[in-house]
Amino acid sequence: MRIVTNQEMYQVDDYMMNTIGMSEESLMENAGQAAANALSERIKKHETIGLLIGTGNNGGDGFVIARALKSKGYEVDVWVVPAREKIKGAAKKAMIIYENAGFTWQSAGDNFSVKKYTVLIDCLLGIGVKGSIKSPYDNIIKKINDSKAYIYSIDVPSGVMEQKEELTVRADATITLQQPKVTAFTYPSKESYGELIVVDIGIPPLAIEKSSSLK
């Protein structure tokens, strides 16, 4: 299995959308459903689950995952960090579909607490994060790490691109999408991943092969 950099994964997505013709929304739906299937194989229905959503496509994946888990009968509290108007593009479409399916979410404000949860699902920050981890993400990441819950990160642990231990989710398991990322194998970022679970989201080998040759 090929290990990819962030840039290579963006090239794969670009090839899927602009050459193969798959929409960003379809890619997000596939990713979220695949991650939800992996989670449902590991999480019991009696668990108390909190799912945290940030901006960008990682947050969009979170809306798909939440919808899929709720549809399977899981009780999931969905906490959204950014203001609604800051959710854009495919992530906004995923949010609208989630809401149209009859599901609700809560704003993760100052009073947000992780104490009641036995499982936390981290969909805060993906590979696209740039710069330092700012408020309120820094405080939420600290709350996640201080919790007694079993922590799943989706694709990468939030904040891992900055590789600052105090501002990176320390996952018990990371469900990474399609291809493992370089940060899962390099230090200190590797220590934040926990168990690495790679799920197939339907990207054909051709897209990986063609994208690996693009520079």
N, C-alpha and C. Protein backbone atom coordinates (compact mmCIF):
# COMPACT_ATOMS: atom_id res chain seq x y z
N MET A 1 0.85 -1.20 0.00
CA MET A 1 0.00 0.00 0.00
C MET A 1 0.89 1.25 0.00
N ARG A 2 0.58 2.18 -0.86
CA ARG A 2 1.39 3.38 -1.00
C ARG A 2 1.11 4.36 0.14
N ILE A 3 2.18 4.90 0.72
CA ILE A 3 2.08 5.96 1.72
C ILE A 3 2.17 7.29 0.99
N VAL A 4 1.29 8.22 1.34
CA VAL A 4 1.22 9.48 0.59
C VAL A 4 1.49 10.69 1.48
N THR A 5 2.00 11.72 0.84
CA THR A 5 2.09 13.02 1.49
C THR A 5 0.75 13.73 1.34
N ASN A 6 0.59 14.83 2.05
CA ASN A 6 -0.64 15.62 1.91
C ASN A 6 -0.84 16.06 0.47
N GLN A 7 0.24 16.54 -0.17
CA GLN A 7 0.14 17.03 -1.53
C GLN A 7 -0.28 15.93 -2.49
N GLU A 8 0.27 14.73 -2.30
CA GLU A 8 -0.11 13.61 -3.17
C GLU A 8 -1.58 13.25 -2.99
N MET A 9 -2.10 13.33 -1.76
CA MET A 9 -3.51 13.02 -1.54
C MET A 9 -4.40 14.06 -2.20
N TYR A 10 -3.96 15.33 -2.18
CA TYR A 10 -4.71 16.36 -2.91
C TYR A 10 -4.70 16.08 -4.40
N GLN A 11 -3.59 15.59 -4.91
CA GLN A 11 -3.50 15.26 -6.34
C GLN A 11 -4.43 14.10 -6.69
N VAL A 12 -4.54 13.14 -5.79
CA VAL A 12 -5.48 12.03 -6.00
C VAL A 12 -6.91 12.56 -6.08
N ASP A 13 -7.28 13.41 -5.13
CA ASP A 13 -8.63 13.99 -5.14
C ASP A 13 -8.88 14.79 -6.41
N ASP A 14 -7.88 15.56 -6.81
CA ASP A 14 -8.01 16.37 -8.03
C ASP A 14 -8.21 15.48 -9.25
N TYR A 15 -7.46 14.39 -9.31
CA TYR A 15 -7.59 13.46 -10.44
C TYR A 15 -8.99 12.82 -10.44
N MET A 16 -9.46 12.46 -9.25
CA MET A 16 -10.79 11.85 -9.15
C MET A 16 -11.86 12.81 -9.65
N MET A 17 -11.74 14.08 -9.30
CA MET A 17 -12.78 15.05 -9.66
C MET A 17 -12.66 15.52 -11.11
N ASN A 18 -11.45 15.86 -11.54
CA ASN A 18 -11.28 16.53 -12.83
C ASN A 18 -10.98 15.60 -14.00
N THR A 19 -10.51 14.39 -13.72
CA THR A 19 -10.23 13.45 -14.80
C THR A 19 -11.25 12.31 -14.82
N ILE A 20 -11.47 11.69 -13.66
CA ILE A 20 -12.43 10.59 -13.60
C ILE A 20 -13.86 11.12 -13.58
N GLY A 21 -14.06 12.29 -12.95
CA GLY A 21 -15.38 12.92 -13.00
C GLY A 21 -16.26 12.69 -11.79
N MET A 22 -15.67 12.32 -10.67
CA MET A 22 -16.43 12.11 -9.44
C MET A 22 -16.48 13.42 -8.66
N SER A 23 -17.63 13.77 -8.14
CA SER A 23 -17.77 15.04 -7.44
C SER A 23 -17.13 14.98 -6.05
N GLU A 24 -16.79 16.16 -5.53
CA GLU A 24 -16.23 16.23 -4.18
C GLU A 24 -17.25 15.73 -3.16
N GLU A 25 -18.53 16.02 -3.39
CA GLU A 25 -19.57 15.56 -2.49
C GLU A 25 -19.64 14.03 -2.45
N SER A 26 -19.48 13.39 -3.62
CA SER A 26 -19.51 11.92 -3.68
C SER A 26 -18.31 11.32 -2.97
N LEU A 27 -17.14 11.94 -3.15
CA LEU A 27 -15.95 11.47 -2.45
C LEU A 27 -16.14 11.56 -0.93
N MET A 28 -16.72 12.67 -0.48
CA MET A 28 -16.96 12.85 0.95
C MET A 28 -17.96 11.83 1.48
N GLU A 29 -19.00 11.58 0.72
CA GLU A 29 -20.00 10.59 1.13
C GLU A 29 -19.35 9.21 1.24
N ASN A 30 -18.54 8.82 0.26
CA ASN A 30 -17.86 7.53 0.31
C ASN A 30 -16.95 7.44 1.52
N ALA A 31 -16.20 8.51 1.77
CA ALA A 31 -15.26 8.52 2.89
C ALA A 31 -15.99 8.38 4.22
N GLY A 32 -17.04 9.17 4.40
CA GLY A 32 -17.78 9.13 5.64
C GLY A 32 -18.47 7.80 5.88
N GLN A 33 -19.05 7.24 4.84
CA GLN A 33 -19.73 5.94 4.98
C GLN A 33 -18.73 4.83 5.31
N ALA A 34 -17.55 4.86 4.67
CA ALA A 34 -16.54 3.84 4.94
C ALA A 34 -16.03 3.95 6.37
N ALA A 35 -15.80 5.18 6.83
CA ALA A 35 -15.35 5.39 8.20
C ALA A 35 -16.43 4.94 9.20
N ALA A 36 -17.70 5.26 8.90
CA ALA A 36 -18.80 4.87 9.78
C ALA A 36 -18.92 3.36 9.87
N ASN A 37 -18.73 2.67 8.76
CA ASN A 37 -18.78 1.20 8.78
C ASN A 37 -17.68 0.63 9.67
N ALA A 38 -16.48 1.21 9.56
CA ALA A 38 -15.37 0.75 10.41
C ALA A 38 -15.66 1.01 11.88
N LEU A 39 -16.23 2.18 12.17
CA LEU A 39 -16.57 2.50 13.55
C LEU A 39 -17.65 1.57 14.10
N SER A 40 -18.65 1.27 13.29
CA SER A 40 -19.76 0.43 13.76
C SER A 40 -19.32 -1.00 14.03
N GLU A 41 -18.22 -1.41 13.44
CA GLU A 41 -17.68 -2.74 13.72
C GLU A 41 -16.95 -2.79 15.06
N ARG A 42 -16.66 -1.61 15.62
CA ARG A 42 -15.83 -1.55 16.83
C ARG A 42 -16.56 -0.94 18.03
N ILE A 43 -17.59 -0.15 17.79
CA ILE A 43 -18.28 0.55 18.88
C ILE A 43 -19.60 -0.15 19.19
N LYS A 44 -19.85 -0.40 20.46
CA LYS A 44 -21.10 -1.02 20.88
C LYS A 44 -22.22 0.02 20.96
N LYS A 45 -23.44 -0.44 20.77
CA LYS A 45 -24.58 0.48 20.74
C LYS A 45 -24.82 1.17 22.09
N HIS A 46 -24.35 0.57 23.19
CA HIS A 46 -24.61 1.17 24.50
C HIS A 46 -23.64 2.30 24.85
N GLU A 47 -22.61 2.50 24.03
CA GLU A 47 -21.61 3.53 24.33
C GLU A 47 -22.24 4.93 24.22
N THR A 48 -21.71 5.85 25.02
CA THR A 48 -22.10 7.26 24.89
C THR A 48 -21.06 7.93 24.00
N ILE A 49 -21.51 8.45 22.86
CA ILE A 49 -20.60 8.90 21.79
C ILE A 49 -20.72 10.39 21.58
N GLY A 50 -19.58 11.06 21.55
CA GLY A 50 -19.51 12.46 21.16
C GLY A 50 -18.70 12.59 19.90
N LEU A 51 -19.21 13.28 18.91
CA LEU A 51 -18.52 13.47 17.64
C LEU A 51 -18.28 14.96 17.43
N LEU A 52 -17.02 15.33 17.24
CA LEU A 52 -16.65 16.74 17.15
C LEU A 52 -16.30 17.12 15.72
N ILE A 53 -16.92 18.19 15.24
CA ILE A 53 -16.80 18.62 13.86
C ILE A 53 -16.16 19.99 13.77
N GLY A 54 -15.14 20.09 12.90
CA GLY A 54 -14.50 21.37 12.63
C GLY A 54 -14.80 21.84 11.22
N THR A 55 -14.03 22.81 10.75
CA THR A 55 -14.21 23.31 9.40
C THR A 55 -13.54 22.37 8.40
N GLY A 56 -13.78 22.61 7.13
CA GLY A 56 -13.10 21.86 6.09
C GLY A 56 -13.71 20.49 5.86
N ASN A 57 -13.04 19.72 5.02
CA ASN A 57 -13.57 18.43 4.61
C ASN A 57 -13.57 17.40 5.74
N ASN A 58 -12.66 17.53 6.71
CA ASN A 58 -12.69 16.62 7.85
C ASN A 58 -13.99 16.77 8.61
N GLY A 59 -14.44 18.01 8.75
CA GLY A 59 -15.73 18.25 9.38
C GLY A 59 -16.88 17.73 8.54
N GLY A 60 -16.77 17.88 7.21
CA GLY A 60 -17.79 17.34 6.32
C GLY A 60 -17.90 15.83 6.44
N ASP A 61 -16.74 15.16 6.51
CA ASP A 61 -16.74 13.70 6.74
C ASP A 61 -17.50 13.40 8.03
N GLY A 62 -17.31 14.26 9.04
CA GLY A 62 -17.97 14.05 10.33
C GLY A 62 -19.49 14.07 10.22
N PHE A 63 -20.04 14.97 9.41
CA PHE A 63 -21.49 15.00 9.23
C PHE A 63 -21.99 13.70 8.58
N VAL A 64 -21.24 13.20 7.61
CA VAL A 64 -21.63 11.93 6.97
C VAL A 64 -21.56 10.80 7.98
N ILE A 65 -20.47 10.74 8.74
CA ILE A 65 -20.30 9.70 9.75
C ILE A 65 -21.42 9.75 10.77
N ALA A 66 -21.73 10.94 11.25
CA ALA A 66 -22.80 11.08 12.24
C ALA A 66 -24.14 10.61 11.69
N ARG A 67 -24.45 11.01 10.47
CA ARG A 67 -25.72 10.58 9.84
C ARG A 67 -25.77 9.06 9.71
N ALA A 68 -24.65 8.47 9.28
CA ALA A 68 -24.61 7.02 9.09
C ALA A 68 -24.75 6.28 10.42
N LEU A 69 -24.04 6.74 11.45
CA LEU A 69 -24.13 6.06 12.74
C LEU A 69 -25.51 6.21 13.36
N LYS A 70 -26.10 7.41 13.27
CA LYS A 70 -27.44 7.61 13.80
C LYS A 70 -28.44 6.74 13.06
N SER A 71 -28.26 6.60 11.76
CA SER A 71 -29.16 5.75 10.96
C SER A 71 -29.03 4.28 11.33
N LYS A 72 -27.88 3.91 11.87
CA LYS A 72 -27.65 2.53 12.33
C LYS A 72 -28.14 2.31 13.76
N GLY A 73 -28.64 3.38 14.39
CA GLY A 73 -29.20 3.23 15.72
C GLY A 73 -28.29 3.65 16.86
N TYR A 74 -27.17 4.27 16.55
CA TYR A 74 -26.27 4.77 17.60
C TYR A 74 -26.77 6.11 18.12
N GLU A 75 -26.56 6.32 19.42
CA GLU A 75 -26.85 7.61 20.03
C GLU A 75 -25.57 8.44 19.97
N VAL A 76 -25.57 9.47 19.15
CA VAL A 76 -24.38 10.28 18.92
C VAL A 76 -24.71 11.75 19.16
N ASP A 77 -23.97 12.39 20.06
CA ASP A 77 -24.07 13.84 20.22
C ASP A 77 -23.07 14.48 19.25
N VAL A 78 -23.56 15.35 18.40
CA VAL A 78 -22.72 16.00 17.41
C VAL A 78 -22.44 17.44 17.85
N TRP A 79 -21.16 17.74 18.02
CA TRP A 79 -20.73 19.07 18.45
C TRP A 79 -19.97 19.75 17.32
N VAL A 80 -20.43 20.92 16.92
CA VAL A 80 -19.83 21.66 15.81
C VAL A 80 -19.10 22.88 16.35
N VAL A 81 -17.82 23.00 15.99
CA VAL A 81 -17.00 24.09 16.51
C VAL A 81 -17.20 25.40 15.75
N PRO A 82 -17.08 25.40 14.41
CA PRO A 82 -17.19 26.69 13.70
C PRO A 82 -18.63 27.19 13.65
N ALA A 83 -18.76 28.49 13.45
CA ALA A 83 -20.08 29.06 13.20
C ALA A 83 -20.63 28.48 11.90
N ARG A 84 -21.93 28.35 11.83
CA ARG A 84 -22.57 27.72 10.67
C ARG A 84 -22.12 28.35 9.35
N GLU A 85 -22.01 29.69 9.32
CA GLU A 85 -21.68 30.37 8.06
C GLU A 85 -20.25 30.12 7.61
N LYS A 86 -19.42 29.57 8.47
CA LYS A 86 -18.03 29.28 8.09
C LYS A 86 -17.86 27.89 7.47
N ILE A 87 -18.93 27.12 7.46
CA ILE A 87 -18.87 25.79 6.84
C ILE A 87 -19.22 25.95 5.37
N LYS A 88 -18.29 25.57 4.50
CA LYS A 88 -18.41 25.87 3.07
C LYS A 88 -18.31 24.60 2.22
N GLY A 89 -18.64 24.75 0.93
CA GLY A 89 -18.40 23.73 -0.07
C GLY A 89 -19.07 22.40 0.20
N ALA A 90 -18.33 21.32 -0.02
CA ALA A 90 -18.87 19.97 0.16
C ALA A 90 -19.26 19.72 1.62
N ALA A 91 -18.52 20.32 2.56
CA ALA A 91 -18.85 20.16 3.97
C ALA A 91 -20.22 20.78 4.28
N LYS A 92 -20.51 21.92 3.68
CA LYS A 92 -21.81 22.55 3.87
C LYS A 92 -22.92 21.67 3.32
N LYS A 93 -22.68 21.06 2.15
CA LYS A 93 -23.68 20.16 1.57
C LYS A 93 -23.91 18.96 2.49
N ALA A 94 -22.84 18.42 3.07
CA ALA A 94 -22.97 17.29 3.99
C ALA A 94 -23.77 17.69 5.22
N MET A 95 -23.56 18.91 5.70
CA MET A 95 -24.31 19.42 6.85
C MET A 95 -25.79 19.54 6.52
N ILE A 96 -26.10 20.08 5.35
CA ILE A 96 -27.50 20.26 4.95
C ILE A 96 -28.19 18.91 4.81
N ILE A 97 -27.51 17.94 4.22
CA ILE A 97 -28.10 16.59 4.08
C ILE A 97 -28.35 15.99 5.46
N TYR A 98 -27.38 16.17 6.37
CA TYR A 98 -27.52 15.67 7.74
C TYR A 98 -28.77 16.29 8.40
N GLU A 99 -28.93 17.60 8.26
CA GLU A 99 -30.08 18.27 8.85
C GLU A 99 -31.39 17.85 8.18
N ASN A 100 -31.37 17.72 6.85
CA ASN A 100 -32.57 17.32 6.13
C ASN A 100 -33.01 15.90 6.46
N ALA A 101 -32.04 15.09 6.95
CA ALA A 101 -32.36 13.72 7.36
C ALA A 101 -33.02 13.68 8.74
N GLY A 102 -33.18 14.86 9.35
CA GLY A 102 -33.89 14.94 10.62
C GLY A 102 -33.01 14.95 11.85
N PHE A 103 -31.70 15.13 11.66
CA PHE A 103 -30.77 15.09 12.77
C PHE A 103 -30.32 16.49 13.18
N THR A 104 -29.92 16.61 14.44
CA THR A 104 -29.54 17.91 14.98
C THR A 104 -28.10 17.89 15.48
N TRP A 105 -27.56 19.10 15.70
CA TRP A 105 -26.22 19.22 16.26
C TRP A 105 -26.20 20.37 17.25
N GLN A 106 -25.16 20.41 18.04
CA GLN A 106 -25.00 21.46 19.05
C GLN A 106 -23.71 22.22 18.80
N SER A 107 -23.70 23.47 19.22
CA SER A 107 -22.51 24.30 19.10
C SER A 107 -21.56 24.01 20.26
N ALA A 108 -20.30 23.77 19.93
CA ALA A 108 -19.29 23.46 20.96
C ALA A 108 -18.72 24.77 21.49
N GLY A 109 -19.44 25.39 22.39
CA GLY A 109 -19.01 26.66 22.98
C GLY A 109 -18.16 26.45 24.22
N ASP A 110 -18.08 27.47 25.04
CA ASP A 110 -17.24 27.43 26.23
C ASP A 110 -17.67 26.35 27.22
N ASN A 111 -18.95 26.02 27.22
CA ASN A 111 -19.47 25.05 28.18
C ASN A 111 -19.35 23.60 27.71
N PHE A 112 -18.73 23.38 26.56
CA PHE A 112 -18.60 22.03 26.03
C PHE A 112 -17.80 21.15 26.99
N SER A 113 -18.32 19.96 27.25
CA SER A 113 -17.66 19.02 28.15
C SER A 113 -17.63 17.63 27.53
N VAL A 114 -16.57 16.89 27.79
CA VAL A 114 -16.43 15.53 27.26
C VAL A 114 -16.70 14.48 28.34
N LYS A 115 -17.03 14.89 29.54
CA LYS A 115 -17.04 13.99 30.70
C LYS A 115 -18.00 12.81 30.55
N LYS A 116 -19.13 13.00 29.89
CA LYS A 116 -20.14 11.94 29.85
C LYS A 116 -19.84 10.86 28.81
N TYR A 117 -18.86 11.08 27.95
CA TYR A 117 -18.66 10.19 26.81
C TYR A 117 -17.66 9.07 27.09
N THR A 118 -18.02 7.88 26.58
CA THR A 118 -17.07 6.76 26.61
C THR A 118 -16.33 6.64 25.29
N VAL A 119 -16.86 7.26 24.24
CA VAL A 119 -16.20 7.28 22.92
C VAL A 119 -16.26 8.70 22.38
N LEU A 120 -15.13 9.18 21.87
CA LEU A 120 -15.09 10.47 21.17
C LEU A 120 -14.56 10.25 19.76
N ILE A 121 -15.20 10.90 18.79
CA ILE A 121 -14.79 10.80 17.39
C ILE A 121 -14.33 12.18 16.95
N ASP A 122 -13.08 12.26 16.57
CA ASP A 122 -12.41 13.51 16.24
C ASP A 122 -12.47 13.77 14.73
N CYS A 123 -13.30 14.74 14.35
CA CYS A 123 -13.38 15.21 12.96
C CYS A 123 -13.13 16.71 12.93
N LEU A 124 -12.16 17.16 13.69
CA LEU A 124 -11.92 18.59 13.84
C LEU A 124 -11.07 19.18 12.73
N LEU A 125 -9.86 18.65 12.57
CA LEU A 125 -8.89 19.23 11.64
C LEU A 125 -8.21 18.12 10.85
N GLY A 126 -8.20 18.27 9.52
CA GLY A 126 -7.60 17.25 8.67
C GLY A 126 -6.24 17.65 8.14
N ILE A 127 -5.91 17.15 6.95
CA ILE A 127 -4.58 17.40 6.40
C ILE A 127 -4.44 18.82 5.86
N GLY A 128 -5.55 19.54 5.76
CA GLY A 128 -5.48 20.88 5.18
C GLY A 128 -5.17 21.99 6.18
N VAL A 129 -5.02 21.63 7.45
CA VAL A 129 -4.79 22.68 8.45
C VAL A 129 -3.44 23.36 8.20
N LYS A 130 -3.44 24.69 8.31
CA LYS A 130 -2.22 25.47 8.10
C LYS A 130 -2.05 26.44 9.27
N GLY A 131 -0.82 26.58 9.72
CA GLY A 131 -0.54 27.50 10.82
C GLY A 131 -0.83 26.88 12.17
N SER A 132 -0.70 27.68 13.19
CA SER A 132 -0.86 27.20 14.55
C SER A 132 -2.32 26.88 14.86
N ILE A 133 -2.52 26.02 15.85
CA ILE A 133 -3.86 25.64 16.27
C ILE A 133 -4.41 26.73 17.18
N LYS A 134 -5.47 27.35 16.75
CA LYS A 134 -6.02 28.51 17.46
C LYS A 134 -7.23 28.14 18.30
N SER A 135 -7.63 29.08 19.14
CA SER A 135 -8.84 28.94 19.95
C SER A 135 -10.06 28.91 19.02
N PRO A 136 -11.07 28.10 19.31
CA PRO A 136 -11.22 27.24 20.48
C PRO A 136 -10.67 25.83 20.28
N TYR A 137 -10.05 25.57 19.11
CA TYR A 137 -9.58 24.21 18.83
C TYR A 137 -8.54 23.75 19.84
N ASP A 138 -7.66 24.65 20.25
CA ASP A 138 -6.62 24.24 21.19
C ASP A 138 -7.23 23.76 22.51
N ASN A 139 -8.23 24.48 23.01
CA ASN A 139 -8.86 24.08 24.27
C ASN A 139 -9.66 22.80 24.12
N ILE A 140 -10.32 22.62 22.99
CA ILE A 140 -11.10 21.41 22.77
C ILE A 140 -10.19 20.19 22.66
N ILE A 141 -9.06 20.34 21.96
CA ILE A 141 -8.11 19.23 21.86
C ILE A 141 -7.59 18.84 23.24
N LYS A 142 -7.32 19.81 24.08
CA LYS A 142 -6.86 19.51 25.44
C LYS A 142 -7.93 18.76 26.22
N LYS A 143 -9.21 19.17 26.06
CA LYS A 143 -10.30 18.47 26.74
C LYS A 143 -10.41 17.03 26.26
N ILE A 144 -10.27 16.83 24.96
CA ILE A 144 -10.33 15.46 24.42
C ILE A 144 -9.22 14.61 25.03
N ASN A 145 -8.01 15.14 25.05
CA ASN A 145 -6.87 14.37 25.56
C ASN A 145 -6.96 14.10 27.05
N ASP A 146 -7.63 14.97 27.78
CA ASP A 146 -7.77 14.79 29.22
C ASP A 146 -8.93 13.87 29.58
N SER A 147 -9.74 13.50 28.59
CA SER A 147 -10.92 12.67 28.86
C SER A 147 -10.51 11.21 29.08
N LYS A 148 -11.46 10.45 29.62
CA LYS A 148 -11.24 9.01 29.81
C LYS A 148 -11.85 8.20 28.67
N ALA A 149 -12.36 8.89 27.65
CA ALA A 149 -13.01 8.22 26.52
C ALA A 149 -12.00 7.54 25.61
N TYR A 150 -12.49 6.57 24.86
CA TYR A 150 -11.69 5.96 23.77
C TYR A 150 -11.80 6.91 22.59
N ILE A 151 -10.68 7.33 22.04
CA ILE A 151 -10.67 8.38 21.03
C ILE A 151 -10.37 7.80 19.64
N TYR A 152 -11.27 8.08 18.70
CA TYR A 152 -11.04 7.77 17.29
C TYR A 152 -10.81 9.09 16.54
N SER A 153 -9.75 9.17 15.78
CA SER A 153 -9.56 10.29 14.86
C SER A 153 -9.87 9.81 13.45
N ILE A 154 -10.41 10.72 12.64
CA ILE A 154 -10.74 10.39 11.26
C ILE A 154 -9.70 10.98 10.32
N ASP A 155 -9.08 10.14 9.54
CA ASP A 155 -8.00 10.39 8.57
C ASP A 155 -6.67 10.68 9.26
N VAL A 156 -6.59 11.76 10.05
CA VAL A 156 -5.39 12.05 10.84
C VAL A 156 -5.85 12.61 12.19
N PRO A 157 -5.05 12.44 13.25
CA PRO A 157 -5.40 13.09 14.50
C PRO A 157 -5.35 14.62 14.32
N SER A 158 -6.34 15.30 14.81
CA SER A 158 -6.40 16.75 14.64
C SER A 158 -5.16 17.42 15.24
N GLY A 159 -4.57 18.32 14.45
CA GLY A 159 -3.39 19.05 14.90
C GLY A 159 -2.08 18.37 14.59
N VAL A 160 -2.12 17.14 14.07
CA VAL A 160 -0.89 16.36 13.89
C VAL A 160 0.04 17.00 12.86
N MET A 161 -0.52 17.79 11.94
CA MET A 161 0.34 18.43 10.94
C MET A 161 1.28 19.46 11.56
N GLU A 162 0.87 19.99 12.71
CA GLU A 162 1.74 20.94 13.42
C GLU A 162 2.80 20.22 14.26
N GLN A 163 2.52 18.96 14.59
CA GLN A 163 3.44 18.12 15.36
C GLN A 163 3.86 18.76 16.68
N LYS A 164 2.89 19.40 17.35
CA LYS A 164 3.12 19.93 18.68
C LYS A 164 2.26 19.10 19.63
N GLU A 165 2.92 18.30 20.44
CA GLU A 165 2.22 17.28 21.20
C GLU A 165 1.07 17.82 22.03
N GLU A 166 1.24 18.99 22.63
CA GLU A 166 0.20 19.52 23.51
C GLU A 166 -1.02 20.00 22.73
N LEU A 167 -0.90 20.16 21.40
CA LEU A 167 -2.02 20.62 20.57
C LEU A 167 -2.40 19.60 19.50
N THR A 168 -2.15 18.35 19.78
CA THR A 168 -2.51 17.27 18.87
C THR A 168 -3.38 16.26 19.59
N VAL A 169 -4.49 15.87 18.98
CA VAL A 169 -5.31 14.81 19.57
C VAL A 169 -4.47 13.54 19.67
N ARG A 170 -4.46 12.94 20.84
CA ARG A 170 -3.75 11.68 21.04
C ARG A 170 -4.78 10.55 20.93
N ALA A 171 -4.92 10.04 19.73
CA ALA A 171 -5.96 9.07 19.44
C ALA A 171 -5.59 7.67 19.94
N ASP A 172 -6.61 6.91 20.30
CA ASP A 172 -6.41 5.48 20.56
C ASP A 172 -6.39 4.71 19.25
N ALA A 173 -7.12 5.22 18.26
CA ALA A 173 -7.13 4.63 16.93
C ALA A 173 -7.44 5.72 15.92
N THR A 174 -6.82 5.62 14.75
CA THR A 174 -7.07 6.57 13.67
C THR A 174 -7.57 5.80 12.45
N ILE A 175 -8.74 6.21 11.96
CA ILE A 175 -9.29 5.60 10.75
C ILE A 175 -8.90 6.50 9.60
N THR A 176 -7.89 6.07 8.86
CA THR A 176 -7.37 6.91 7.78
C THR A 176 -8.01 6.50 6.45
N LEU A 177 -8.19 7.47 5.58
CA LEU A 177 -9.00 7.29 4.38
C LEU A 177 -8.15 6.94 3.16
N GLN A 178 -8.36 5.76 2.65
CA GLN A 178 -7.79 5.24 1.40
C GLN A 178 -6.29 4.94 1.47
N GLN A 179 -5.46 5.95 1.79
CA GLN A 179 -4.02 5.77 1.81
C GLN A 179 -3.46 6.28 3.15
N PRO A 180 -2.55 5.53 3.77
CA PRO A 180 -1.92 6.06 4.99
C PRO A 180 -1.06 7.26 4.68
N LYS A 181 -1.06 8.22 5.59
CA LYS A 181 -0.31 9.45 5.40
C LYS A 181 1.08 9.32 6.05
N VAL A 182 2.03 10.08 5.53
CA VAL A 182 3.42 10.01 5.99
C VAL A 182 3.51 10.21 7.50
N THR A 183 2.66 11.09 8.04
CA THR A 183 2.74 11.41 9.47
C THR A 183 2.41 10.22 10.37
N ALA A 184 1.82 9.16 9.80
CA ALA A 184 1.53 7.96 10.59
C ALA A 184 2.79 7.13 10.84
N PHE A 185 3.88 7.50 10.19
CA PHE A 185 5.10 6.69 10.27
C PHE A 185 6.33 7.49 10.70
N THR A 186 6.16 8.79 10.93
CA THR A 186 7.29 9.63 11.32
C THR A 186 7.07 10.17 12.72
N TYR A 187 8.15 10.43 13.41
CA TYR A 187 8.07 10.96 14.77
C TYR A 187 8.23 12.48 14.76
N PRO A 188 7.55 13.18 15.68
CA PRO A 188 6.74 12.65 16.79
C PRO A 188 5.28 12.35 16.43
N SER A 189 4.87 12.65 15.19
CA SER A 189 3.45 12.53 14.83
C SER A 189 2.92 11.11 14.97
N LYS A 190 3.74 10.11 14.70
CA LYS A 190 3.31 8.72 14.77
C LYS A 190 2.69 8.37 16.13
N GLU A 191 3.21 8.98 17.18
CA GLU A 191 2.75 8.66 18.53
C GLU A 191 1.31 9.11 18.79
N SER A 192 0.78 9.99 17.95
CA SER A 192 -0.59 10.48 18.14
C SER A 192 -1.64 9.61 17.46
N TYR A 193 -1.22 8.69 16.61
CA TYR A 193 -2.17 7.94 15.79
C TYR A 193 -2.85 6.79 16.53
N GLY A 194 -2.17 6.17 17.50
CA GLY A 194 -2.71 4.95 18.08
C GLY A 194 -2.74 3.86 17.02
N GLU A 195 -3.74 3.00 17.10
CA GLU A 195 -3.90 1.94 16.08
C GLU A 195 -4.26 2.59 14.74
N LEU A 196 -3.59 2.18 13.67
CA LEU A 196 -3.88 2.72 12.34
C LEU A 196 -4.80 1.77 11.59
N ILE A 197 -5.97 2.29 11.20
CA ILE A 197 -6.96 1.51 10.46
C ILE A 197 -7.17 2.20 9.12
N VAL A 198 -6.85 1.53 8.02
CA VAL A 198 -6.99 2.11 6.69
C VAL A 198 -8.27 1.59 6.05
N VAL A 199 -9.15 2.50 5.60
CA VAL A 199 -10.41 2.08 4.97
C VAL A 199 -10.42 2.50 3.51
N ASP A 200 -10.94 1.63 2.68
CA ASP A 200 -11.08 1.88 1.25
C ASP A 200 -12.30 2.76 1.02
N ILE A 201 -12.10 3.89 0.33
CA ILE A 201 -13.23 4.79 0.06
C ILE A 201 -13.59 4.81 -1.43
N GLY A 202 -13.12 3.82 -2.15
CA GLY A 202 -13.54 3.66 -3.54
C GLY A 202 -12.71 4.38 -4.57
N ILE A 203 -11.49 4.79 -4.20
CA ILE A 203 -10.61 5.43 -5.19
C ILE A 203 -9.88 4.34 -5.97
N PRO A 204 -10.01 4.28 -7.28
CA PRO A 204 -9.40 3.22 -8.06
C PRO A 204 -7.88 3.34 -8.13
N PRO A 205 -7.17 2.22 -8.33
CA PRO A 205 -5.71 2.25 -8.41
C PRO A 205 -5.18 3.24 -9.45
N LEU A 206 -5.92 3.43 -10.55
CA LEU A 206 -5.48 4.34 -11.60
C LEU A 206 -5.24 5.74 -11.05
N ALA A 207 -6.13 6.21 -10.16
CA ALA A 207 -5.98 7.56 -9.62
C ALA A 207 -4.73 7.67 -8.77
N ILE A 208 -4.41 6.62 -8.02
CA ILE A 208 -3.20 6.62 -7.20
C ILE A 208 -1.97 6.61 -8.09
N GLU A 209 -2.00 5.76 -9.11
CA GLU A 209 -0.84 5.63 -10.01
C GLU A 209 -0.58 6.92 -10.78
N LYS A 210 -1.62 7.49 -11.34
CA LYS A 210 -1.45 8.73 -12.12
C LYS A 210 -1.01 9.89 -11.24
N SER A 211 -1.61 9.97 -10.07
CA SER A 211 -1.29 11.09 -9.18
C SER A 211 0.12 11.01 -8.65
N SER A 212 0.64 9.80 -8.45
CA SER A 212 2.00 9.65 -7.92
C SER A 212 3.04 10.12 -8.91
N SER A 213 2.67 10.24 -10.17
CA SER A 213 3.63 10.67 -11.20
C SER A 213 3.58 12.18 -11.43
N LEU A 214 2.61 12.85 -10.78
CA LEU A 214 2.47 14.31 -10.96
C LEU A 214 3.41 15.04 -10.02
N LYS A 215 4.11 16.00 -10.51
CA LYS A 215 5.04 16.77 -9.66
C LYS A 215 4.75 18.26 -9.88
